[in-house]
Amino acid sequence: MAEIVNLRTVRKQKDREVAKAKGIEAAAKSGRSKALKALQKARAEKSERALDGHKTE
């Protein structure tokens, strides 16, 4: 006896897999993950605040 399959669910799952593969490929092209970008931005802001704190007028 054959297993009953919901074709809509199978199609959606395939679309999700394709989208995930595209996302992984795009992330590899850009070279930095979202978390790494956020970390670097936070570090830059912190160093800028520290530098501004040492300025004299």
PDB file of N, CA and C in Angstrom:
ATOM      1  N   MET A   1       0.835  -1.171   0.000  1.00  0.00           N
ATOM      2  CA  MET A   1       0.000   0.000   0.000  1.00  0.00           C
ATOM      3  C   MET A   1       0.891   1.248   0.000  1.00  0.00           C
ATOM      4  N   ALA A   2       0.541   2.203  -0.791  1.00  0.00           N
ATOM      5  CA  ALA A   2       1.325   3.432  -0.922  1.00  0.00           C
ATOM      6  C   ALA A   2       1.029   4.395   0.224  1.00  0.00           C
ATOM      7  N   GLU A   3       2.024   5.186   0.548  1.00  0.00           N
ATOM      8  CA  GLU A   3       1.862   6.179   1.611  1.00  0.00           C
ATOM      9  C   GLU A   3       1.226   7.437   1.021  1.00  0.00           C
ATOM     10  N   ILE A   4       0.266   7.996   1.730  1.00  0.00           N
ATOM     11  CA  ILE A   4      -0.413   9.196   1.270  1.00  0.00           C
ATOM     12  C   ILE A   4       0.465  10.406   1.585  1.00  0.00           C
ATOM     13  N   VAL A   5       0.670  11.247   0.565  1.00  0.00           N
ATOM     14  CA  VAL A   5       1.553  12.397   0.706  1.00  0.00           C
ATOM     15  C   VAL A   5       0.787  13.665   0.343  1.00  0.00           C
ATOM     16  N   ASN A   6       0.914  14.685   1.178  1.00  0.00           N
ATOM     17  CA  ASN A   6       0.308  15.971   0.886  1.00  0.00           C
ATOM     18  C   ASN A   6       1.271  16.728  -0.023  1.00  0.00           C
ATOM     19  N   LEU A   7       0.898  16.931  -1.262  1.00  0.00           N
ATOM     20  CA  LEU A   7       1.784  17.536  -2.245  1.00  0.00           C
ATOM     21  C   LEU A   7       2.121  18.988  -1.912  1.00  0.00           C
ATOM     22  N   ARG A   8       1.182  19.702  -1.310  1.00  0.00           N
ATOM     23  CA  ARG A   8       1.432  21.089  -0.934  1.00  0.00           C
ATOM     24  C   ARG A   8       2.543  21.163   0.109  1.00  0.00           C
ATOM     25  N   THR A   9       2.517  20.263   1.083  1.00  0.00           N
ATOM     26  CA  THR A   9       3.549  20.240   2.120  1.00  0.00           C
ATOM     27  C   THR A   9       4.907  19.890   1.530  1.00  0.00           C
ATOM     28  N   VAL A  10       4.942  18.959   0.613  1.00  0.00           N
ATOM     29  CA  VAL A  10       6.196  18.563  -0.033  1.00  0.00           C
ATOM     30  C   VAL A  10       6.761  19.730  -0.831  1.00  0.00           C
ATOM     31  N   ARG A  11       5.894  20.449  -1.543  1.00  0.00           N
ATOM     32  CA  ARG A  11       6.332  21.598  -2.334  1.00  0.00           C
ATOM     33  C   ARG A  11       6.900  22.692  -1.432  1.00  0.00           C
ATOM     34  N   LYS A  12       6.212  22.976  -0.329  1.00  0.00           N
ATOM     35  CA  LYS A  12       6.686  24.006   0.592  1.00  0.00           C
ATOM     36  C   LYS A  12       8.032  23.620   1.211  1.00  0.00           C
ATOM     37  N   GLN A  13       8.195  22.368   1.558  1.00  0.00           N
ATOM     38  CA  GLN A  13       9.460  21.910   2.138  1.00  0.00           C
ATOM     39  C   GLN A  13      10.595  22.064   1.126  1.00  0.00           C
ATOM     40  N   LYS A  14      10.322  21.737  -0.119  1.00  0.00           N
ATOM     41  CA  LYS A  14      11.338  21.885  -1.162  1.00  0.00           C
ATOM     42  C   LYS A  14      11.712  23.356  -1.337  1.00  0.00           C
ATOM     43  N   ASP A  15      10.707  24.244  -1.313  1.00  0.00           N
ATOM     44  CA  ASP A  15      10.969  25.682  -1.429  1.00  0.00           C
ATOM     45  C   ASP A  15      11.826  26.185  -0.273  1.00  0.00           C
ATOM     46  N   ARG A  16      11.562  25.681   0.942  1.00  0.00           N
ATOM     47  CA  ARG A  16      12.354  26.075   2.110  1.00  0.00           C
ATOM     48  C   ARG A  16      13.810  25.649   1.950  1.00  0.00           C
ATOM     49  N   GLU A  17      14.017  24.444   1.458  1.00  0.00           N
ATOM     50  CA  GLU A  17      15.373  23.930   1.271  1.00  0.00           C
ATOM     51  C   GLU A  17      16.131  24.763   0.230  1.00  0.00           C
ATOM     52  N   VAL A  18      15.455  25.147  -0.839  1.00  0.00           N
ATOM     53  CA  VAL A  18      16.075  25.964  -1.878  1.00  0.00           C
ATOM     54  C   VAL A  18      16.435  27.338  -1.311  1.00  0.00           C
ATOM     55  N   ALA A  19      15.529  27.926  -0.537  1.00  0.00           N
ATOM     56  CA  ALA A  19      15.784  29.241   0.046  1.00  0.00           C
ATOM     57  C   ALA A  19      16.946  29.180   1.031  1.00  0.00           C
ATOM     58  N   LYS A  20      17.016  28.116   1.808  1.00  0.00           N
ATOM     59  CA  LYS A  20      18.112  27.976   2.762  1.00  0.00           C
ATOM     60  C   LYS A  20      19.448  27.834   2.030  1.00  0.00           C
ATOM     61  N   ALA A  21      19.461  27.079   0.949  1.00  0.00           N
ATOM     62  CA  ALA A  21      20.686  26.911   0.168  1.00  0.00           C
ATOM     63  C   ALA A  21      21.130  28.248  -0.427  1.00  0.00           C
ATOM     64  N   LYS A  22      20.177  29.043  -0.910  1.00  0.00           N
ATOM     65  CA  LYS A  22      20.510  30.361  -1.454  1.00  0.00           C
ATOM     66  C   LYS A  22      21.078  31.256  -0.361  1.00  0.00           C
ATOM     67  N   GLY A  23      20.510  31.187   0.831  1.00  0.00           N
ATOM     68  CA  GLY A  23      20.987  31.993   1.943  1.00  0.00           C
ATOM     69  C   GLY A  23      22.396  31.622   2.352  1.00  0.00           C
ATOM     70  N   ILE A  24      22.681  30.342   2.404  1.00  0.00           N
ATOM     71  CA  ILE A  24      24.024  29.874   2.754  1.00  0.00           C
ATOM     72  C   ILE A  24      25.029  30.330   1.700  1.00  0.00           C
ATOM     73  N   GLU A  25      24.628  30.244   0.440  1.00  0.00           N
ATOM     74  CA  GLU A  25      25.507  30.668  -0.644  1.00  0.00           C
ATOM     75  C   GLU A  25      25.777  32.174  -0.565  1.00  0.00           C
ATOM     76  N   ALA A  26      24.750  32.958  -0.289  1.00  0.00           N
ATOM     77  CA  ALA A  26      24.912  34.409  -0.181  1.00  0.00           C
ATOM     78  C   ALA A  26      25.801  34.766   1.006  1.00  0.00           C
ATOM     79  N   ALA A  27      25.647  34.045   2.117  1.00  0.00           N
ATOM     80  CA  ALA A  27      26.472  34.304   3.293  1.00  0.00           C
ATOM     81  C   ALA A  27      27.932  33.982   3.004  1.00  0.00           C
ATOM     82  N   ALA A  28      28.156  32.934   2.251  1.00  0.00           N
ATOM     83  CA  ALA A  28      29.525  32.573   1.897  1.00  0.00           C
ATOM     84  C   ALA A  28      30.143  33.630   0.980  1.00  0.00           C
ATOM     85  N   LYS A  29      29.331  34.209   0.106  1.00  0.00           N
ATOM     86  CA  LYS A  29      29.825  35.250  -0.794  1.00  0.00           C
ATOM     87  C   LYS A  29      30.192  36.503  -0.013  1.00  0.00           C
ATOM     88  N   SER A  30      29.350  36.896   0.925  1.00  0.00           N
ATOM     89  CA  SER A  30      29.604  38.137   1.655  1.00  0.00           C
ATOM     90  C   SER A  30      30.743  37.968   2.639  1.00  0.00           C
ATOM     91  N   GLY A  31      30.949  36.774   3.130  1.00  0.00           N
ATOM     92  CA  GLY A  31      32.104  36.494   3.967  1.00  0.00           C
ATOM     93  C   GLY A  31      31.913  36.714   5.448  1.00  0.00           C
ATOM     94  N   ARG A  32      30.865  37.432   5.860  1.00  0.00           N
ATOM     95  CA  ARG A  32      30.660  37.677   7.284  1.00  0.00           C
ATOM     96  C   ARG A  32      29.218  37.338   7.648  1.00  0.00           C
ATOM     97  N   SER A  33      29.052  36.731   8.805  1.00  0.00           N
ATOM     98  CA  SER A  33      27.709  36.421   9.264  1.00  0.00           C
ATOM     99  C   SER A  33      27.098  37.652   9.911  1.00  0.00           C
ATOM    100  N   LYS A  34      25.808  37.597  10.150  1.00  0.00           N
ATOM    101  CA  LYS A  34      25.113  38.713  10.769  1.00  0.00           C
ATOM    102  C   LYS A  34      25.651  38.968  12.170  1.00  0.00           C
ATOM    103  N   ALA A  35      25.926  37.921  12.903  1.00  0.00           N
ATOM    104  CA  ALA A  35      26.449  38.054  14.261  1.00  0.00           C
ATOM    105  C   ALA A  35      27.830  38.710  14.249  1.00  0.00           C
ATOM    106  N   LEU A  36      28.663  38.330  13.303  1.00  0.00           N
ATOM    107  CA  LEU A  36      29.999  38.908  13.214  1.00  0.00           C
ATOM    108  C   LEU A  36      29.932  40.393  12.859  1.00  0.00           C
ATOM    109  N   LYS A  37      29.013  40.752  11.951  1.00  0.00           N
ATOM    110  CA  LYS A  37      28.838  42.156  11.594  1.00  0.00           C
ATOM    111  C   LYS A  37      28.401  42.964  12.806  1.00  0.00           C
ATOM    112  N   ALA A  38      27.477  42.423  13.590  1.00  0.00           N
ATOM    113  CA  ALA A  38      26.991  43.126  14.777  1.00  0.00           C
ATOM    114  C   ALA A  38      28.105  43.290  15.802  1.00  0.00           C
ATOM    115  N   LEU A  39      28.927  42.270  15.970  1.00  0.00           N
ATOM    116  CA  LEU A  39      30.038  42.335  16.914  1.00  0.00           C
ATOM    117  C   LEU A  39      31.037  43.406  16.492  1.00  0.00           C
ATOM    118  N   GLN A  40      31.387  43.436  15.226  1.00  0.00           N
ATOM    119  CA  GLN A  40      32.337  44.429  14.737  1.00  0.00           C
ATOM    120  C   GLN A  40      31.777  45.839  14.855  1.00  0.00           C
ATOM    121  N   LYS A  41      30.481  46.006  14.614  1.00  0.00           N
ATOM    122  CA  LYS A  41      29.848  47.311  14.745  1.00  0.00           C
ATOM    123  C   LYS A  41      29.870  47.775  16.202  1.00  0.00           C
ATOM    124  N   ALA A  42      29.575  46.864  17.129  1.00  0.00           N
ATOM    125  CA  ALA A  42      29.584  47.204  18.546  1.00  0.00           C
ATOM    126  C   ALA A  42      30.985  47.585  19.009  1.00  0.00           C
ATOM    127  N   ARG A  43      31.978  46.869  18.550  1.00  0.00           N
ATOM    128  CA  ARG A  43      33.363  47.187  18.925  1.00  0.00           C
ATOM    129  C   ARG A  43      33.779  48.559  18.384  1.00  0.00           C
ATOM    130  N   ALA A  44      33.379  48.866  17.152  1.00  0.00           N
ATOM    131  CA  ALA A  44      33.717  50.159  16.556  1.00  0.00           C
ATOM    132  C   ALA A  44      33.053  51.294  17.319  1.00  0.00           C
ATOM    133  N   GLU A  45      31.788  51.098  17.694  1.00  0.00           N
ATOM    134  CA  GLU A  45      31.079  52.129  18.448  1.00  0.00           C
ATOM    135  C   GLU A  45      31.717  52.335  19.819  1.00  0.00           C
ATOM    136  N   LYS A  46      32.116  51.259  20.455  1.00  0.00           N
ATOM    137  CA  LYS A  46      32.739  51.366  21.775  1.00  0.00           C
ATOM    138  C   LYS A  46      34.063  52.118  21.687  1.00  0.00           C
ATOM    139  N   SER A  47      34.873  51.804  20.691  1.00  0.00           N
ATOM    140  CA  SER A  47      36.157  52.494  20.558  1.00  0.00           C
ATOM    141  C   SER A  47      35.949  53.964  20.209  1.00  0.00           C
ATOM    142  N   GLU A  48      34.926  54.271  19.428  1.00  0.00           N
ATOM    143  CA  GLU A  48      34.625  55.656  19.087  1.00  0.00           C
ATOM    144  C   GLU A  48      34.186  56.437  20.330  1.00  0.00           C
ATOM    145  N   ARG A  49      33.362  55.826  21.179  1.00  0.00           N
ATOM    146  CA  ARG A  49      32.952  56.479  22.427  1.00  0.00           C
ATOM    147  C   ARG A  49      34.155  56.716  23.337  1.00  0.00           C
ATOM    148  N   ALA A  50      35.047  55.751  23.413  1.00  0.00           N
ATOM    149  CA  ALA A  50      36.230  55.889  24.258  1.00  0.00           C
ATOM    150  C   ALA A  50      37.117  57.013  23.739  1.00  0.00           C
ATOM    151  N   LEU A  51      37.273  57.106  22.435  1.00  0.00           N
ATOM    152  CA  LEU A  51      38.093  58.152  21.836  1.00  0.00           C
ATOM    153  C   LEU A  51      37.454  59.524  22.073  1.00  0.00           C
ATOM    154  N   ASP A  52      36.151  59.613  21.893  1.00  0.00           N
ATOM    155  CA  ASP A  52      35.457  60.884  22.121  1.00  0.00           C
ATOM    156  C   ASP A  52      35.546  61.305  23.584  1.00  0.00           C
ATOM    157  N   GLY A  53      35.588  60.356  24.495  1.00  0.00           N
ATOM    158  CA  GLY A  53      35.679  60.670  25.919  1.00  0.00           C
ATOM    159  C   GLY A  53      37.020  61.278  26.302  1.00  0.00           C
ATOM    160  N   HIS A  54      38.033  61.052  25.508  1.00  0.00           N
ATOM    161  CA  HIS A  54      39.368  61.567  25.831  1.00  0.00           C
ATOM    162  C   HIS A  54      39.691  62.888  25.129  1.00  0.00           C
ATOM    163  N   LYS A  55      38.766  63.407  24.352  1.00  0.00           N
ATOM    164  CA  LYS A  55      39.005  64.658  23.644  1.00  0.00           C
ATOM    165  C   LYS A  55      38.980  65.828  24.616  1.00  0.00           C
ATOM    166  N   THR A  56      39.793  66.783  24.349  1.00  0.00           N
ATOM    167  CA  THR A  56      39.784  68.026  25.129  1.00  0.00           C
ATOM    168  C   THR A  56      39.294  69.151  24.236  1.00  0.00           C
ATOM    169  N   GLU A  57      38.735  70.148  24.866  1.00  0.00           N
ATOM    170  CA  GLU A  57      38.176  71.233  24.070  1.00  0.00           C
ATOM    171  C   GLU A  57      39.030  72.448  24.071  1.00  0.00           C
TER     172      GLU A  57
END
